[in-house]
N, C-alpha and C. Protein backbone atom coordinates (compact mmCIF):
# COMPACT_ATOMS: atom_id res chain seq x y z
N MET A 1 19.41 -24.60 -7.15
CA MET A 1 18.97 -23.24 -7.05
C MET A 1 17.76 -23.08 -6.36
N GLN A 2 17.46 -22.15 -5.43
CA GLN A 2 16.23 -21.77 -4.74
C GLN A 2 15.43 -20.78 -5.46
N THR A 3 14.06 -21.45 -5.80
CA THR A 3 13.36 -20.52 -6.45
C THR A 3 13.00 -19.09 -5.55
N LYS A 4 12.84 -18.06 -6.09
CA LYS A 4 12.23 -16.94 -5.42
C LYS A 4 10.81 -17.05 -4.86
N ASN A 5 10.56 -16.40 -3.67
CA ASN A 5 8.93 -16.31 -3.50
C ASN A 5 8.62 -15.26 -4.47
N LYS A 6 6.99 -15.31 -4.91
CA LYS A 6 6.69 -14.31 -5.95
C LYS A 6 5.69 -13.60 -4.96
N PHE A 7 5.83 -12.37 -5.07
CA PHE A 7 4.73 -11.03 -4.51
C PHE A 7 4.20 -10.33 -5.57
N ASN A 8 2.94 -10.35 -5.61
CA ASN A 8 2.11 -9.29 -6.75
C ASN A 8 1.90 -8.21 -5.87
N ILE A 9 2.31 -7.09 -5.81
CA ILE A 9 2.10 -5.98 -5.17
C ILE A 9 1.07 -5.01 -5.67
N ILE A 10 0.07 -4.45 -5.27
CA ILE A 10 -1.00 -3.47 -5.62
C ILE A 10 -0.42 -2.15 -5.11
N TYR A 11 -0.53 -1.18 -5.99
CA TYR A 11 -0.29 0.32 -5.43
C TYR A 11 -1.45 1.00 -6.24
N ASP A 12 -1.67 2.03 -5.40
CA ASP A 12 -2.89 2.93 -5.71
C ASP A 12 -2.54 3.92 -6.90
N THR A 13 -3.52 4.01 -7.70
CA THR A 13 -3.11 4.96 -8.92
C THR A 13 -2.89 6.45 -8.56
N GLN A 14 -2.99 6.62 -7.25
CA GLN A 14 -2.84 8.10 -6.90
C GLN A 14 -1.19 8.27 -6.37
N GLU A 15 -0.71 7.04 -6.42
CA GLU A 15 0.81 7.15 -6.22
C GLU A 15 1.77 7.77 -7.19
N LYS A 16 2.38 8.65 -7.18
CA LYS A 16 3.15 9.34 -8.22
C LYS A 16 4.41 8.57 -8.27
N ILE A 17 5.02 8.47 -7.31
CA ILE A 17 6.36 7.62 -7.22
C ILE A 17 6.36 6.58 -6.74
N PRO A 18 5.74 5.48 -6.93
CA PRO A 18 5.62 4.32 -6.19
C PRO A 18 7.11 3.78 -5.67
N PHE A 19 6.87 2.92 -4.47
CA PHE A 19 8.08 2.27 -4.05
C PHE A 19 8.35 1.29 -5.06
N THR A 20 9.49 0.85 -5.08
CA THR A 20 10.25 0.10 -5.98
C THR A 20 10.83 -1.50 -5.46
N PHE A 21 10.95 -1.39 -4.06
CA PHE A 21 11.34 -2.53 -3.48
C PHE A 21 12.63 -3.26 -4.05
N ASP A 22 13.19 -2.51 -4.48
CA ASP A 22 14.60 -2.84 -5.01
C ASP A 22 15.54 -3.36 -4.13
N CYS A 23 15.54 -3.07 -2.88
CA CYS A 23 16.31 -3.56 -1.76
C CYS A 23 15.90 -4.84 -1.61
N VAL A 24 14.76 -5.49 -1.82
CA VAL A 24 14.65 -7.02 -1.58
C VAL A 24 14.51 -7.72 -3.27
N LYS A 25 14.60 -7.19 -4.25
CA LYS A 25 14.16 -7.70 -5.66
C LYS A 25 15.04 -9.09 -5.70
N HIS A 26 16.37 -9.02 -5.27
CA HIS A 26 17.46 -10.02 -5.06
C HIS A 26 17.05 -11.44 -4.31
N LYS A 27 15.79 -11.28 -3.26
CA LYS A 27 15.42 -12.11 -2.80
C LYS A 27 14.23 -12.82 -3.12
N PHE A 28 13.32 -11.70 -3.63
CA PHE A 28 11.87 -12.03 -4.11
C PHE A 28 11.63 -11.72 -5.61
N ASP A 29 10.84 -12.23 -6.25
CA ASP A 29 10.30 -12.07 -7.34
C ASP A 29 8.93 -10.85 -7.39
N ILE A 30 9.18 -9.75 -7.61
CA ILE A 30 8.08 -8.86 -7.42
C ILE A 30 7.36 -8.28 -8.65
N ASN A 31 6.35 -8.23 -8.73
CA ASN A 31 5.57 -7.60 -9.81
C ASN A 31 4.71 -6.42 -9.21
N MET A 32 4.77 -5.33 -9.58
CA MET A 32 4.03 -4.34 -9.09
C MET A 32 2.91 -4.14 -10.29
N MET A 33 1.65 -4.09 -9.60
CA MET A 33 0.50 -3.85 -10.34
C MET A 33 -0.10 -2.64 -9.87
N ARG A 34 -0.39 -1.59 -10.86
CA ARG A 34 -1.00 -0.24 -10.52
C ARG A 34 -2.58 -0.50 -10.57
N ASP A 35 -3.39 -0.31 -9.56
CA ASP A 35 -4.97 -0.37 -9.42
C ASP A 35 -5.48 0.70 -8.72
N ASN A 36 -6.76 0.90 -9.10
CA ASN A 36 -7.43 2.07 -7.98
C ASN A 36 -7.94 1.20 -6.76
N MET A 37 -7.23 1.84 -5.48
CA MET A 37 -7.48 0.87 -4.24
C MET A 37 -8.62 1.87 -3.55
N GLU A 38 -9.58 1.15 -2.89
CA GLU A 38 -10.59 1.81 -2.29
C GLU A 38 -10.01 2.16 -0.85
N TYR A 39 -9.08 1.38 -0.20
CA TYR A 39 -8.40 1.75 0.95
C TYR A 39 -6.95 1.65 0.90
N GLY A 40 -6.12 2.59 1.57
CA GLY A 40 -4.55 2.58 1.35
C GLY A 40 -4.00 2.76 0.22
N ASP A 41 -2.55 2.55 0.46
CA ASP A 41 -1.64 2.93 -0.92
C ASP A 41 -1.21 1.63 -1.21
N TYR A 42 -0.98 0.87 -0.70
CA TYR A 42 -0.33 -0.70 -1.18
C TYR A 42 -0.92 -1.80 -0.33
N SER A 43 -0.82 -2.77 -0.92
CA SER A 43 -1.25 -4.21 -0.55
C SER A 43 -0.62 -5.31 -1.39
N LEU A 44 -0.93 -6.69 -0.99
CA LEU A 44 -0.48 -7.80 -1.61
C LEU A 44 -1.71 -8.23 -2.08
N CYS A 45 -1.76 -8.70 -3.80
CA CYS A 45 -2.46 -9.06 -4.48
C CYS A 45 -3.49 -10.26 -3.69
N GLY A 46 -4.78 -9.89 -3.34
CA GLY A 46 -5.50 -11.23 -2.65
C GLY A 46 -5.54 -10.84 -1.19
N PHE A 47 -5.08 -9.89 -0.84
CA PHE A 47 -4.71 -9.56 0.82
C PHE A 47 -5.24 -7.92 0.95
N ASP A 48 -6.23 -7.44 -0.21
CA ASP A 48 -6.54 -6.01 -0.34
C ASP A 48 -8.06 -5.63 -0.05
N MET A 49 -8.60 -6.86 0.62
CA MET A 49 -9.86 -6.37 1.14
C MET A 49 -10.03 -6.07 2.36
N PRO A 50 -10.31 -4.97 2.67
CA PRO A 50 -10.46 -4.23 4.12
C PRO A 50 -11.39 -4.94 5.06
N LYS A 51 -12.62 -5.64 4.72
CA LYS A 51 -13.17 -6.32 5.65
C LYS A 51 -12.74 -7.65 5.78
N ASP A 52 -11.86 -8.13 5.16
CA ASP A 52 -11.10 -9.47 5.28
C ASP A 52 -10.38 -9.62 6.47
N ASP A 53 -10.21 -10.47 7.66
CA ASP A 53 -9.19 -10.67 8.61
C ASP A 53 -8.03 -10.78 8.29
N ASN A 54 -7.75 -11.09 6.72
CA ASN A 54 -6.25 -11.69 6.21
C ASN A 54 -5.61 -10.29 5.68
N SER A 55 -6.59 -9.37 5.76
CA SER A 55 -5.89 -7.94 4.97
C SER A 55 -4.72 -7.32 5.37
N ILE A 56 -3.85 -7.13 4.45
CA ILE A 56 -2.63 -6.09 4.48
C ILE A 56 -2.67 -5.01 3.65
N ILE A 57 -3.05 -4.06 4.34
CA ILE A 57 -3.22 -2.76 3.76
C ILE A 57 -2.28 -1.78 4.20
N ILE A 58 -1.36 -0.82 3.42
CA ILE A 58 -0.69 0.04 3.94
C ILE A 58 -0.76 1.34 3.35
N GLU A 59 -1.03 2.23 4.55
CA GLU A 59 -1.40 3.71 4.20
C GLU A 59 0.01 4.65 3.98
N ARG A 60 0.33 5.03 3.13
CA ARG A 60 1.79 5.71 2.86
C ARG A 60 1.65 7.27 3.19
N LYS A 61 2.54 7.68 4.17
CA LYS A 61 2.26 9.18 4.49
C LYS A 61 3.69 9.84 3.84
N ARG A 62 3.84 10.73 2.87
CA ARG A 62 4.76 11.23 2.37
C ARG A 62 5.67 12.11 3.38
N ASN A 63 5.20 12.54 4.00
CA ASN A 63 5.96 13.72 4.93
C ASN A 63 5.11 13.99 6.29
N SER A 64 5.41 14.53 7.17
CA SER A 64 4.85 14.73 8.45
C SER A 64 3.74 15.91 8.20
N ALA A 65 3.94 16.89 7.28
CA ALA A 65 2.96 17.83 6.98
C ALA A 65 1.56 17.13 6.43
N GLU A 66 1.62 15.75 5.66
CA GLU A 66 0.47 15.25 5.19
C GLU A 66 -0.25 14.49 6.49
N LEU A 67 0.59 13.84 7.31
CA LEU A 67 0.10 13.32 8.50
C LEU A 67 -0.66 14.23 9.54
N VAL A 68 -0.18 15.53 9.57
CA VAL A 68 -0.76 16.61 10.43
C VAL A 68 -2.04 17.01 9.71
N ARG A 69 -2.22 17.05 8.46
CA ARG A 69 -3.27 17.38 7.88
C ARG A 69 -4.44 16.33 8.08
N ASN A 70 -4.03 15.17 7.79
CA ASN A 70 -4.94 14.12 8.07
C ASN A 70 -5.36 13.83 9.75
N LEU A 71 -4.37 14.43 10.46
CA LEU A 71 -4.82 14.19 11.87
C LEU A 71 -5.62 15.41 12.29
N GLY A 72 -5.69 16.48 11.50
CA GLY A 72 -6.21 17.83 11.66
C GLY A 72 -7.63 18.08 10.76
N ALA A 73 -7.23 18.58 9.79
CA ALA A 73 -8.25 19.34 8.99
C ALA A 73 -9.08 18.08 7.98
N ASN A 74 -8.17 17.14 7.73
CA ASN A 74 -8.88 15.90 7.12
C ASN A 74 -9.32 14.76 8.08
N TRP A 75 -9.48 15.02 9.16
CA TRP A 75 -9.49 13.82 10.28
C TRP A 75 -10.97 13.04 10.01
N GLU A 76 -12.02 13.48 9.55
CA GLU A 76 -13.19 12.48 9.11
C GLU A 76 -12.87 11.63 7.85
N ARG A 77 -12.03 12.24 6.97
CA ARG A 77 -11.67 11.27 5.84
C ARG A 77 -10.79 10.08 6.30
N PHE A 78 -9.57 10.76 7.24
CA PHE A 78 -8.67 9.73 7.75
C PHE A 78 -9.53 8.51 8.56
N GLU A 79 -10.53 9.08 9.24
CA GLU A 79 -10.88 8.22 10.00
C GLU A 79 -11.81 6.97 9.41
N ARG A 80 -12.58 7.53 8.22
CA ARG A 80 -13.27 6.59 7.53
C ARG A 80 -12.61 5.88 6.62
N GLU A 81 -10.99 6.25 6.45
CA GLU A 81 -10.10 5.08 5.50
C GLU A 81 -9.74 4.18 6.64
N LEU A 82 -9.40 4.64 8.03
CA LEU A 82 -8.88 3.63 8.87
C LEU A 82 -10.13 2.50 9.32
N GLU A 83 -11.32 2.86 9.08
CA GLU A 83 -12.45 2.06 9.50
C GLU A 83 -12.51 1.12 8.41
């Protein structure tokens, strides 16, 4: 029997309905951890530092209206998060 790869996924405390990753749980051992993230909404534990070249940070947009707000009225905040 093959051992599943383990992933510790961090998600931001502001995520009200976080992804569950049910579609891949049969292949991977996934542990979800809620934490206050300075940048983004999801990351892999150990890859969540924005200044690190190996960082993996995902910014989730719930719908097109949120994306439009971020590109318009909230542009300065969105730009800071990208940096």
